[in-house]
């Protein structure tokens, strides 16, 4: 009986979870069939890549799945249907530098400008809310760092205001739409930001590839995400190590925080690494 009690106690600890992904983050080659067949609750997909219909999204939601649609709020991609061939840096005025060498075809945007916000809100309405997605997953929130470094002191609050406008527009069309920003965790220090979000996506908390993440960055993420979790927010974490020891270490630390955890390939093609 003594040993049985020990085993039961150990099995309840976070690090005794199966050391594999507990949500899906896949922006390339996810299909209705693959999403329907998996056992994950939370899914982050690119609505243009998956091509899901409204009926398919409904079927997935009827399985108890939460389907979050990826949108970039800090950049625009030249393969989106709203992209116009004559657009260049500075034309339109909100279009900024191409993100080279890391993301060719992706351009920083002056996200505080109403014209750009209107384009993204229309994209959200037509490609995401019209199909009944559970929520929006906002990449590029940390772009405000880029503009702060250029001396724009209002950049953080302008990002918060932009996210607030996206939330308001989404709720007007589909009440209950979830909002999950990715990264930019320091915004959580601002009280006006906290009610706008239902959870967070967090990258590279403990590792940078197979290198150890800077301790200051790790501690910063932990500080704000522990606050968010205490407030009832859902945390979807992903790191990108390849070495087995780093994968195992990540899962142990991540599950110990009570987060949903995943180790994926950086291109988010559906590769899931387990321990």
C-alpha atoms as a PDB file:
ATOM      1  CA  UNK A   1       0.000   0.000   0.000  1.00  0.00           C
ATOM      2  CA  UNK A   2       2.888   2.366   0.816  1.00  0.00           C
ATOM      3  CA  UNK A   3       4.393   1.918  -2.673  1.00  0.00           C
ATOM      4  CA  UNK A   4       1.003   2.318  -4.347  1.00  0.00           C
ATOM      5  CA  UNK A   5       0.528   5.663  -2.584  1.00  0.00           C
ATOM      6  CA  UNK A   6       3.951   6.824  -3.769  1.00  0.00           C
ATOM      7  CA  UNK A   7       3.140   5.896  -7.365  1.00  0.00           C
ATOM      8  CA  UNK A   8      -0.200   7.698  -7.253  1.00  0.00           C
ATOM      9  CA  UNK A   9       1.453  10.806  -5.809  1.00  0.00           C
ATOM     10  CA  UNK A  10       4.196  10.802  -8.427  1.00  0.00           C
ATOM     11  CA  UNK A  11       1.747  10.349 -11.278  1.00  0.00           C
ATOM     12  CA  UNK A  12      -0.015  13.565 -10.263  1.00  0.00           C
ATOM     13  CA  UNK A  13       3.117  15.703 -10.598  1.00  0.00           C
ATOM     14  CA  UNK A  14       3.466  17.891 -13.737  1.00  0.00           C
ATOM     15  CA  UNK A  15       6.730  16.278 -14.833  1.00  0.00           C
ATOM     16  CA  UNK A  16       5.045  12.876 -14.977  1.00  0.00           C
ATOM     17  CA  UNK A  17       2.929  13.959 -17.970  1.00  0.00           C
ATOM     18  CA  UNK A  18       3.715  12.149 -21.203  1.00  0.00           C
ATOM     19  CA  UNK A  19       6.695  14.068 -22.490  1.00  0.00           C
ATOM     20  CA  UNK A  20       5.229  15.056 -25.821  1.00  0.00           C
ATOM     21  CA  UNK A  21       3.214  17.923 -27.214  1.00  0.00           C
ATOM     22  CA  UNK A  22      -0.083  18.803 -25.563  1.00  0.00           C
ATOM     23  CA  UNK A  23      -1.260  21.189 -28.309  1.00  0.00           C
ATOM     24  CA  UNK A  24      -0.717  21.557 -32.061  1.00  0.00           C
ATOM     25  CA  UNK A  25       1.091  24.507 -33.627  1.00  0.00           C
ATOM     26  CA  UNK A  26       1.239  23.855 -37.363  1.00  0.00           C
ATOM     27  CA  UNK A  27       1.236  26.608 -39.971  1.00  0.00           C
ATOM     28  CA  UNK A  28       2.127  24.442 -42.954  1.00  0.00           C
ATOM     29  CA  UNK A  29       0.377  21.380 -44.417  1.00  0.00           C
ATOM     30  CA  UNK A  30      -2.257  20.944 -41.714  1.00  0.00           C
ATOM     31  CA  UNK A  31      -5.396  19.423 -43.243  1.00  0.00           C
ATOM     32  CA  UNK A  32      -8.942  18.837 -42.108  1.00  0.00           C
ATOM     33  CA  UNK A  33      -8.246  15.102 -42.000  1.00  0.00           C
ATOM     34  CA  UNK A  34      -5.126  15.472 -39.843  1.00  0.00           C
ATOM     35  CA  UNK A  35      -6.806  17.934 -37.482  1.00  0.00           C
ATOM     36  CA  UNK A  36      -9.855  15.720 -37.146  1.00  0.00           C
ATOM     37  CA  UNK A  37      -7.741  12.647 -36.378  1.00  0.00           C
ATOM     38  CA  UNK A  38      -5.510  14.109 -33.664  1.00  0.00           C
ATOM     39  CA  UNK A  39      -6.249  14.228 -29.940  1.00  0.00           C
ATOM     40  CA  UNK A  40      -5.203  17.808 -29.165  1.00  0.00           C
ATOM     41  CA  UNK A  41      -7.560  20.383 -27.691  1.00  0.00           C
ATOM     42  CA  UNK A  42      -5.786  23.554 -28.832  1.00  0.00           C
ATOM     43  CA  UNK A  43      -4.760  23.978 -32.475  1.00  0.00           C
ATOM     44  CA  UNK A  44      -2.973  26.931 -34.066  1.00  0.00           C
ATOM     45  CA  UNK A  45      -3.206  26.929 -37.851  1.00  0.00           C
ATOM     46  CA  UNK A  46      -2.881  29.335 -40.757  1.00  0.00           C
ATOM     47  CA  UNK A  47      -6.367  29.780 -42.258  1.00  0.00           C
ATOM     48  CA  UNK A  48      -4.963  30.328 -45.747  1.00  0.00           C
ATOM     49  CA  UNK A  49      -2.796  27.217 -45.547  1.00  0.00           C
ATOM     50  CA  UNK A  50      -5.422  24.818 -44.189  1.00  0.00           C
ATOM     51  CA  UNK A  51      -8.225  26.086 -46.403  1.00  0.00           C
ATOM     52  CA  UNK A  52     -10.793  24.897 -43.860  1.00  0.00           C
ATOM     53  CA  UNK A  53     -14.438  25.514 -44.692  1.00  0.00           C
ATOM     54  CA  UNK A  54     -16.978  26.754 -42.178  1.00  0.00           C
ATOM     55  CA  UNK A  55     -18.512  23.273 -42.002  1.00  0.00           C
ATOM     56  CA  UNK A  56     -15.106  21.698 -41.336  1.00  0.00           C
ATOM     57  CA  UNK A  57     -14.318  24.180 -38.564  1.00  0.00           C
ATOM     58  CA  UNK A  58     -17.715  23.406 -37.028  1.00  0.00           C
ATOM     59  CA  UNK A  59     -17.009  19.661 -37.134  1.00  0.00           C
ATOM     60  CA  UNK A  60     -13.684  20.174 -35.369  1.00  0.00           C
ATOM     61  CA  UNK A  61     -15.269  22.382 -32.713  1.00  0.00           C
ATOM     62  CA  UNK A  62     -17.976  19.768 -32.200  1.00  0.00           C
ATOM     63  CA  UNK A  63     -15.148  17.382 -31.252  1.00  0.00           C
ATOM     64  CA  UNK A  64     -14.283  19.759 -28.421  1.00  0.00           C
ATOM     65  CA  UNK A  65     -11.330  21.263 -30.280  1.00  0.00           C
ATOM     66  CA  UNK A  66     -10.324  24.918 -30.073  1.00  0.00           C
ATOM     67  CA  UNK A  67      -9.098  26.139 -33.462  1.00  0.00           C
ATOM     68  CA  UNK A  68      -7.059  29.347 -33.367  1.00  0.00           C
ATOM     69  CA  UNK A  69      -6.303  31.152 -36.617  1.00  0.00           C
ATOM     70  CA  UNK A  70      -2.879  32.705 -37.067  1.00  0.00           C
ATOM     71  CA  UNK A  71      -2.655  36.414 -37.934  1.00  0.00           C
ATOM     72  CA  UNK A  72       0.442  38.579 -37.936  1.00  0.00           C
ATOM     73  CA  UNK A  73      -0.164  41.973 -36.330  1.00  0.00           C
ATOM     74  CA  UNK A  74       3.423  43.182 -36.583  1.00  0.00           C
ATOM     75  CA  UNK A  75       4.077  42.321 -40.215  1.00  0.00           C
ATOM     76  CA  UNK A  76       2.315  41.597 -43.486  1.00  0.00           C
ATOM     77  CA  UNK A  77       3.164  38.754 -45.849  1.00  0.00           C
ATOM     78  CA  UNK A  78       3.300  39.209 -49.619  1.00  0.00           C
ATOM     79  CA  UNK A  79       1.333  36.001 -50.230  1.00  0.00           C
ATOM     80  CA  UNK A  80      -1.884  37.164 -48.529  1.00  0.00           C
ATOM     81  CA  UNK A  81      -4.790  37.919 -50.827  1.00  0.00           C
ATOM     82  CA  UNK A  82      -4.883  41.571 -49.741  1.00  0.00           C
ATOM     83  CA  UNK A  83      -1.285  42.125 -50.908  1.00  0.00           C
ATOM     84  CA  UNK A  84      -0.982  44.383 -53.957  1.00  0.00           C
ATOM     85  CA  UNK A  85       1.842  43.972 -56.460  1.00  0.00           C
ATOM     86  CA  UNK A  86       2.831  47.637 -56.461  1.00  0.00           C
ATOM     87  CA  UNK A  87       3.405  47.747 -52.687  1.00  0.00           C
ATOM     88  CA  UNK A  88       6.936  48.643 -51.645  1.00  0.00           C
ATOM     89  CA  UNK A  89       8.576  49.912 -48.462  1.00  0.00           C
ATOM     90  CA  UNK A  90       6.907  53.264 -47.779  1.00  0.00           C
ATOM     91  CA  UNK A  91       4.070  52.618 -50.268  1.00  0.00           C
ATOM     92  CA  UNK A  92       1.556  52.424 -48.697  1.00  0.00           C
ATOM     93  CA  UNK A  93       2.841  54.658 -45.922  1.00  0.00           C
ATOM     94  CA  UNK A  94       2.320  52.011 -43.224  1.00  0.00           C
ATOM     95  CA  UNK A  95       4.511  49.433 -45.002  1.00  0.00           C
ATOM     96  CA  UNK A  96       7.988  49.331 -43.461  1.00  0.00           C
ATOM     97  CA  UNK A  97      11.200  47.361 -43.996  1.00  0.00           C
ATOM     98  CA  UNK A  98      11.321  43.791 -45.270  1.00  0.00           C
ATOM     99  CA  UNK A  99      12.408  41.412 -42.501  1.00  0.00           C
ATOM    100  CA  UNK A 100      15.693  40.143 -43.927  1.00  0.00           C
ATOM    101  CA  UNK A 101      17.391  37.734 -43.919  1.00  0.00           C
ATOM    102  CA  UNK A 102      15.072  35.770 -41.647  1.00  0.00           C
ATOM    103  CA  UNK A 103      11.669  36.273 -43.277  1.00  0.00           C
ATOM    104  CA  UNK A 104      11.864  37.375 -46.935  1.00  0.00           C
ATOM    105  CA  UNK A 105       8.489  38.512 -48.215  1.00  0.00           C
ATOM    106  CA  UNK A 106       7.457  39.652 -44.725  1.00  0.00           C
ATOM    107  CA  UNK A 107       7.427  43.368 -43.987  1.00  0.00           C
ATOM    108  CA  UNK A 108       7.248  45.262 -40.700  1.00  0.00           C
ATOM    109  CA  UNK A 109       4.172  47.460 -40.485  1.00  0.00           C
ATOM    110  CA  UNK A 110       3.371  50.682 -38.689  1.00  0.00           C
ATOM    111  CA  UNK A 111       0.581  48.889 -36.899  1.00  0.00           C
ATOM    112  CA  UNK A 112      -0.871  52.026 -35.280  1.00  0.00           C
ATOM    113  CA  UNK A 113      -2.040  53.385 -38.640  1.00  0.00           C
ATOM    114  CA  UNK A 114      -5.814  53.058 -39.244  1.00  0.00           C
ATOM    115  CA  UNK A 115      -5.542  51.969 -42.900  1.00  0.00           C
ATOM    116  CA  UNK A 116      -3.407  48.950 -42.008  1.00  0.00           C
ATOM    117  CA  UNK A 117      -5.641  48.065 -39.061  1.00  0.00           C
ATOM    118  CA  UNK A 118      -8.681  48.150 -41.340  1.00  0.00           C
ATOM    119  CA  UNK A 119      -7.038  45.737 -43.782  1.00  0.00           C
ATOM    120  CA  UNK A 120      -6.209  43.231 -41.037  1.00  0.00           C
ATOM    121  CA  UNK A 121      -9.646  43.528 -39.422  1.00  0.00           C
ATOM    122  CA  UNK A 122     -11.283  42.828 -42.806  1.00  0.00           C
ATOM    123  CA  UNK A 123      -8.980  39.834 -43.291  1.00  0.00           C
ATOM    124  CA  UNK A 124     -10.010  38.555 -39.866  1.00  0.00           C
ATOM    125  CA  UNK A 125     -13.708  38.966 -40.640  1.00  0.00           C
ATOM    126  CA  UNK A 126     -13.581  37.372 -44.089  1.00  0.00           C
ATOM    127  CA  UNK A 127     -11.058  34.566 -43.588  1.00  0.00           C
ATOM    128  CA  UNK A 128     -11.446  33.676 -39.925  1.00  0.00           C
ATOM    129  CA  UNK A 129     -14.680  34.781 -38.297  1.00  0.00           C
ATOM    130  CA  UNK A 130     -16.769  33.968 -41.364  1.00  0.00           C
ATOM    131  CA  UNK A 131     -15.589  30.370 -40.975  1.00  0.00           C
ATOM    132  CA  UNK A 132     -16.278  30.201 -37.260  1.00  0.00           C
ATOM    133  CA  UNK A 133     -12.756  29.791 -35.914  1.00  0.00           C
ATOM    134  CA  UNK A 134     -12.584  29.673 -32.128  1.00  0.00           C
ATOM    135  CA  UNK A 135     -10.184  32.575 -31.921  1.00  0.00           C
ATOM    136  CA  UNK A 136      -7.235  34.505 -33.274  1.00  0.00           C
ATOM    137  CA  UNK A 137      -3.558  33.855 -32.575  1.00  0.00           C
ATOM    138  CA  UNK A 138      -1.608  37.088 -32.948  1.00  0.00           C
ATOM    139  CA  UNK A 139       1.999  36.846 -34.073  1.00  0.00           C
ATOM    140  CA  UNK A 140       4.313  39.845 -34.176  1.00  0.00           C
ATOM    141  CA  UNK A 141       3.073  41.469 -30.975  1.00  0.00           C
ATOM    142  CA  UNK A 142       6.697  42.005 -29.993  1.00  0.00           C
ATOM    143  CA  UNK A 143       7.185  44.229 -33.057  1.00  0.00           C
ATOM    144  CA  UNK A 144       6.626  47.098 -30.676  1.00  0.00           C
ATOM    145  CA  UNK A 145      10.237  46.490 -29.501  1.00  0.00           C
ATOM    146  CA  UNK A 146      11.411  47.368 -33.036  1.00  0.00           C
ATOM    147  CA  UNK A 147       9.666  50.726 -32.918  1.00  0.00           C
ATOM    148  CA  UNK A 148      10.633  51.487 -29.326  1.00  0.00           C
ATOM    149  CA  UNK A 149      14.261  51.057 -30.382  1.00  0.00           C
ATOM    150  CA  UNK A 150      13.626  53.692 -33.052  1.00  0.00           C
ATOM    151  CA  UNK A 151      12.410  56.092 -30.376  1.00  0.00           C
ATOM    152  CA  UNK A 152       8.645  55.637 -30.623  1.00  0.00           C
ATOM    153  CA  UNK A 153       7.715  55.932 -26.948  1.00  0.00           C
ATOM    154  CA  UNK A 154       4.051  55.151 -27.585  1.00  0.00           C
ATOM    155  CA  UNK A 155       4.739  51.816 -29.322  1.00  0.00           C
ATOM    156  CA  UNK A 156       3.689  49.533 -26.445  1.00  0.00           C
ATOM    157  CA  UNK A 157       0.389  51.262 -25.763  1.00  0.00           C
ATOM    158  CA  UNK A 158      -0.319  51.458 -29.497  1.00  0.00           C
ATOM    159  CA  UNK A 159       0.066  47.698 -29.760  1.00  0.00           C
ATOM    160  CA  UNK A 160      -2.320  47.253 -26.834  1.00  0.00           C
ATOM    161  CA  UNK A 161      -4.821  49.571 -28.505  1.00  0.00           C
ATOM    162  CA  UNK A 162      -4.533  47.633 -31.780  1.00  0.00           C
ATOM    163  CA  UNK A 163      -5.175  44.320 -30.036  1.00  0.00           C
ATOM    164  CA  UNK A 164      -8.128  45.925 -28.293  1.00  0.00           C
ATOM    165  CA  UNK A 165      -9.579  46.972 -31.655  1.00  0.00           C
ATOM    166  CA  UNK A 166      -9.143  43.451 -33.033  1.00  0.00           C
ATOM    167  CA  UNK A 167     -10.883  42.013 -29.996  1.00  0.00           C
ATOM    168  CA  UNK A 168     -13.743  44.490 -30.221  1.00  0.00           C
ATOM    169  CA  UNK A 169     -14.236  43.827 -33.942  1.00  0.00           C
ATOM    170  CA  UNK A 170     -14.152  40.062 -33.388  1.00  0.00           C
ATOM    171  CA  UNK A 171     -16.629  40.152 -30.525  1.00  0.00           C
ATOM    172  CA  UNK A 172     -19.036  42.240 -32.616  1.00  0.00           C
ATOM    173  CA  UNK A 173     -19.150  39.499 -35.247  1.00  0.00           C
ATOM    174  CA  UNK A 174     -18.696  36.391 -33.100  1.00  0.00           C
ATOM    175  CA  UNK A 175     -19.098  36.856 -29.341  1.00  0.00           C
ATOM    176  CA  UNK A 176     -16.717  34.656 -27.389  1.00  0.00           C
ATOM    177  CA  UNK A 177     -13.900  34.803 -29.937  1.00  0.00           C
ATOM    178  CA  UNK A 178     -10.639  34.044 -28.119  1.00  0.00           C
ATOM    179  CA  UNK A 179      -7.559  36.272 -28.394  1.00  0.00           C
ATOM    180  CA  UNK A 180      -4.096  34.742 -27.938  1.00  0.00           C
ATOM    181  CA  UNK A 181      -1.096  37.029 -28.517  1.00  0.00           C
ATOM    182  CA  UNK A 182       2.299  35.417 -29.113  1.00  0.00           C
ATOM    183  CA  UNK A 183       5.318  36.764 -27.192  1.00  0.00           C
ATOM    184  CA  UNK A 184       5.646  40.407 -26.136  1.00  0.00           C
ATOM    185  CA  UNK A 185       5.042  39.241 -22.572  1.00  0.00           C
ATOM    186  CA  UNK A 186       6.060  42.544 -20.962  1.00  0.00           C
ATOM    187  CA  UNK A 187       2.784  44.061 -22.113  1.00  0.00           C
ATOM    188  CA  UNK A 188       1.139  42.077 -19.328  1.00  0.00           C
ATOM    189  CA  UNK A 189       2.455  44.609 -16.832  1.00  0.00           C
ATOM    190  CA  UNK A 190      -0.180  47.035 -18.131  1.00  0.00           C
ATOM    191  CA  UNK A 191      -3.588  46.654 -16.513  1.00  0.00           C
ATOM    192  CA  UNK A 192      -5.430  47.738 -19.683  1.00  0.00           C
ATOM    193  CA  UNK A 193      -3.906  44.802 -21.609  1.00  0.00           C
ATOM    194  CA  UNK A 194      -4.936  41.958 -19.319  1.00  0.00           C
ATOM    195  CA  UNK A 195      -8.695  41.913 -20.056  1.00  0.00           C
ATOM    196  CA  UNK A 196      -8.031  41.897 -23.806  1.00  0.00           C
ATOM    197  CA  UNK A 197      -6.420  38.451 -23.923  1.00  0.00           C
ATOM    198  CA  UNK A 198      -7.610  34.948 -23.092  1.00  0.00           C
ATOM    199  CA  UNK A 199      -4.222  33.281 -23.205  1.00  0.00           C
ATOM    200  CA  UNK A 200      -0.726  33.478 -24.652  1.00  0.00           C
ATOM    201  CA  UNK A 201       1.527  31.753 -27.100  1.00  0.00           C
ATOM    202  CA  UNK A 202       5.131  31.796 -25.900  1.00  0.00           C
ATOM    203  CA  UNK A 203       8.232  30.821 -27.900  1.00  0.00           C
ATOM    204  CA  UNK A 204      11.783  30.012 -26.829  1.00  0.00           C
ATOM    205  CA  UNK A 205      11.306  30.236 -23.076  1.00  0.00           C
ATOM    206  CA  UNK A 206      14.151  27.919 -22.051  1.00  0.00           C
ATOM    207  CA  UNK A 207      16.014  27.318 -25.305  1.00  0.00           C
ATOM    208  CA  UNK A 208      17.046  29.154 -28.445  1.00  0.00           C
ATOM    209  CA  UNK A 209      17.235  26.195 -30.767  1.00  0.00           C
ATOM    210  CA  UNK A 210      19.642  23.914 -28.930  1.00  0.00           C
ATOM    211  CA  UNK A 211      21.330  26.769 -27.083  1.00  0.00           C
ATOM    212  CA  UNK A 212      20.303  27.817 -23.600  1.00  0.00           C
ATOM    213  CA  UNK A 213      18.044  30.844 -23.635  1.00  0.00           C
ATOM    214  CA  UNK A 214      19.387  33.991 -22.019  1.00  0.00           C
ATOM    215  CA  UNK A 215      18.498  33.759 -18.329  1.00  0.00           C
ATOM    216  CA  UNK A 216      17.106  37.281 -18.245  1.00  0.00           C
ATOM    217  CA  UNK A 217      14.683  36.438 -21.081  1.00  0.00           C
ATOM    218  CA  UNK A 218      13.608  33.209 -19.398  1.00  0.00           C
ATOM    219  CA  UNK A 219      12.980  34.923 -16.072  1.00  0.00           C
ATOM    220  CA  UNK A 220      11.066  37.727 -17.776  1.00  0.00           C
ATOM    221  CA  UNK A 221       8.738  35.245 -19.487  1.00  0.00           C
ATOM    222  CA  UNK A 222       8.237  33.267 -16.281  1.00  0.00           C
ATOM    223  CA  UNK A 223       7.453  36.410 -14.291  1.00  0.00           C
ATOM    224  CA  UNK A 224       4.672  37.601 -16.565  1.00  0.00           C
ATOM    225  CA  UNK A 225       3.286  34.215 -17.580  1.00  0.00           C
ATOM    226  CA  UNK A 226       2.987  33.133 -13.948  1.00  0.00           C
ATOM    227  CA  UNK A 227       0.965  36.290 -13.400  1.00  0.00           C
ATOM    228  CA  UNK A 228      -1.175  35.463 -16.420  1.00  0.00           C
ATOM    229  CA  UNK A 229      -1.741  31.869 -15.354  1.00  0.00           C
ATOM    230  CA  UNK A 230      -2.775  33.063 -11.899  1.00  0.00           C
ATOM    231  CA  UNK A 231      -5.314  35.282 -13.664  1.00  0.00           C
ATOM    232  CA  UNK A 232      -6.746  32.227 -15.420  1.00  0.00           C
ATOM    233  CA  UNK A 233      -5.064  32.656 -18.804  1.00  0.00           C
ATOM    234  CA  UNK A 234      -4.103  29.605 -20.874  1.00  0.00           C
ATOM    235  CA  UNK A 235      -0.397  29.399 -21.782  1.00  0.00           C
ATOM    236  CA  UNK A 236       0.576  27.635 -25.027  1.00  0.00           C
ATOM    237  CA  UNK A 237       4.353  27.238 -24.983  1.00  0.00           C
ATOM    238  CA  UNK A 238       6.635  26.103 -27.791  1.00  0.00           C
ATOM    239  CA  UNK A 239      10.416  25.720 -27.913  1.00  0.00           C
ATOM    240  CA  UNK A 240      12.410  24.413 -30.869  1.00  0.00           C
ATOM    241  CA  UNK A 241      15.302  22.226 -29.636  1.00  0.00           C
ATOM    242  CA  UNK A 242      16.369  19.120 -31.574  1.00  0.00           C
ATOM    243  CA  UNK A 243      18.703  17.360 -29.151  1.00  0.00           C
ATOM    244  CA  UNK A 244      16.951  14.788 -27.009  1.00  0.00           C
ATOM    245  CA  UNK A 245      18.340  16.065 -23.710  1.00  0.00           C
ATOM    246  CA  UNK A 246      17.114  19.585 -24.471  1.00  0.00           C
ATOM    247  CA  UNK A 247      13.702  18.327 -25.558  1.00  0.00           C
ATOM    248  CA  UNK A 248      13.297  16.366 -22.328  1.00  0.00           C
ATOM    249  CA  UNK A 249      14.495  19.276 -20.190  1.00  0.00           C
ATOM    250  CA  UNK A 250      12.039  21.623 -21.880  1.00  0.00           C
ATOM    251  CA  UNK A 251       9.045  19.369 -21.310  1.00  0.00           C
ATOM    252  CA  UNK A 252       9.907  18.815 -17.662  1.00  0.00           C
ATOM    253  CA  UNK A 253      10.211  22.557 -17.002  1.00  0.00           C
ATOM    254  CA  UNK A 254       7.191  23.495 -19.077  1.00  0.00           C
ATOM    255  CA  UNK A 255       4.783  20.953 -17.602  1.00  0.00           C
ATOM    256  CA  UNK A 256       6.013  21.914 -14.124  1.00  0.00           C
ATOM    257  CA  UNK A 257       4.650  25.418 -14.836  1.00  0.00           C
ATOM    258  CA  UNK A 258       1.233  23.952 -15.628  1.00  0.00           C
ATOM    259  CA  UNK A 259       1.379  25.126 -19.247  1.00  0.00           C
ATOM    260  CA  UNK A 260       0.431  23.416 -22.475  1.00  0.00           C
ATOM    261  CA  UNK A 261       3.740  22.495 -24.115  1.00  0.00           C
ATOM    262  CA  UNK A 262       5.138  21.557 -27.522  1.00  0.00           C
ATOM    263  CA  UNK A 263       8.490  21.058 -29.226  1.00  0.00           C
ATOM    264  CA  UNK A 264       8.189  21.670 -32.954  1.00  0.00           C
ATOM    265  CA  UNK A 265      10.346  22.384 -35.958  1.00  0.00           C
ATOM    266  CA  UNK A 266      10.906  26.097 -36.465  1.00  0.00           C
ATOM    267  CA  UNK A 267       9.057  26.038 -39.813  1.00  0.00           C
ATOM    268  CA  UNK A 268       5.971  24.608 -38.068  1.00  0.00           C
ATOM    269  CA  UNK A 269       5.364  21.884 -40.624  1.00  0.00           C
ATOM    270  CA  UNK A 270       3.838  19.479 -38.108  1.00  0.00           C
ATOM    271  CA  UNK A 271       7.002  17.837 -36.772  1.00  0.00           C
ATOM    272  CA  UNK A 272       6.539  17.129 -33.059  1.00  0.00           C
ATOM    273  CA  UNK A 273       9.505  16.114 -30.932  1.00  0.00           C
ATOM    274  CA  UNK A 274       8.900  13.935 -27.891  1.00  0.00           C
ATOM    275  CA  UNK A 275      10.949  12.676 -25.005  1.00  0.00           C
END
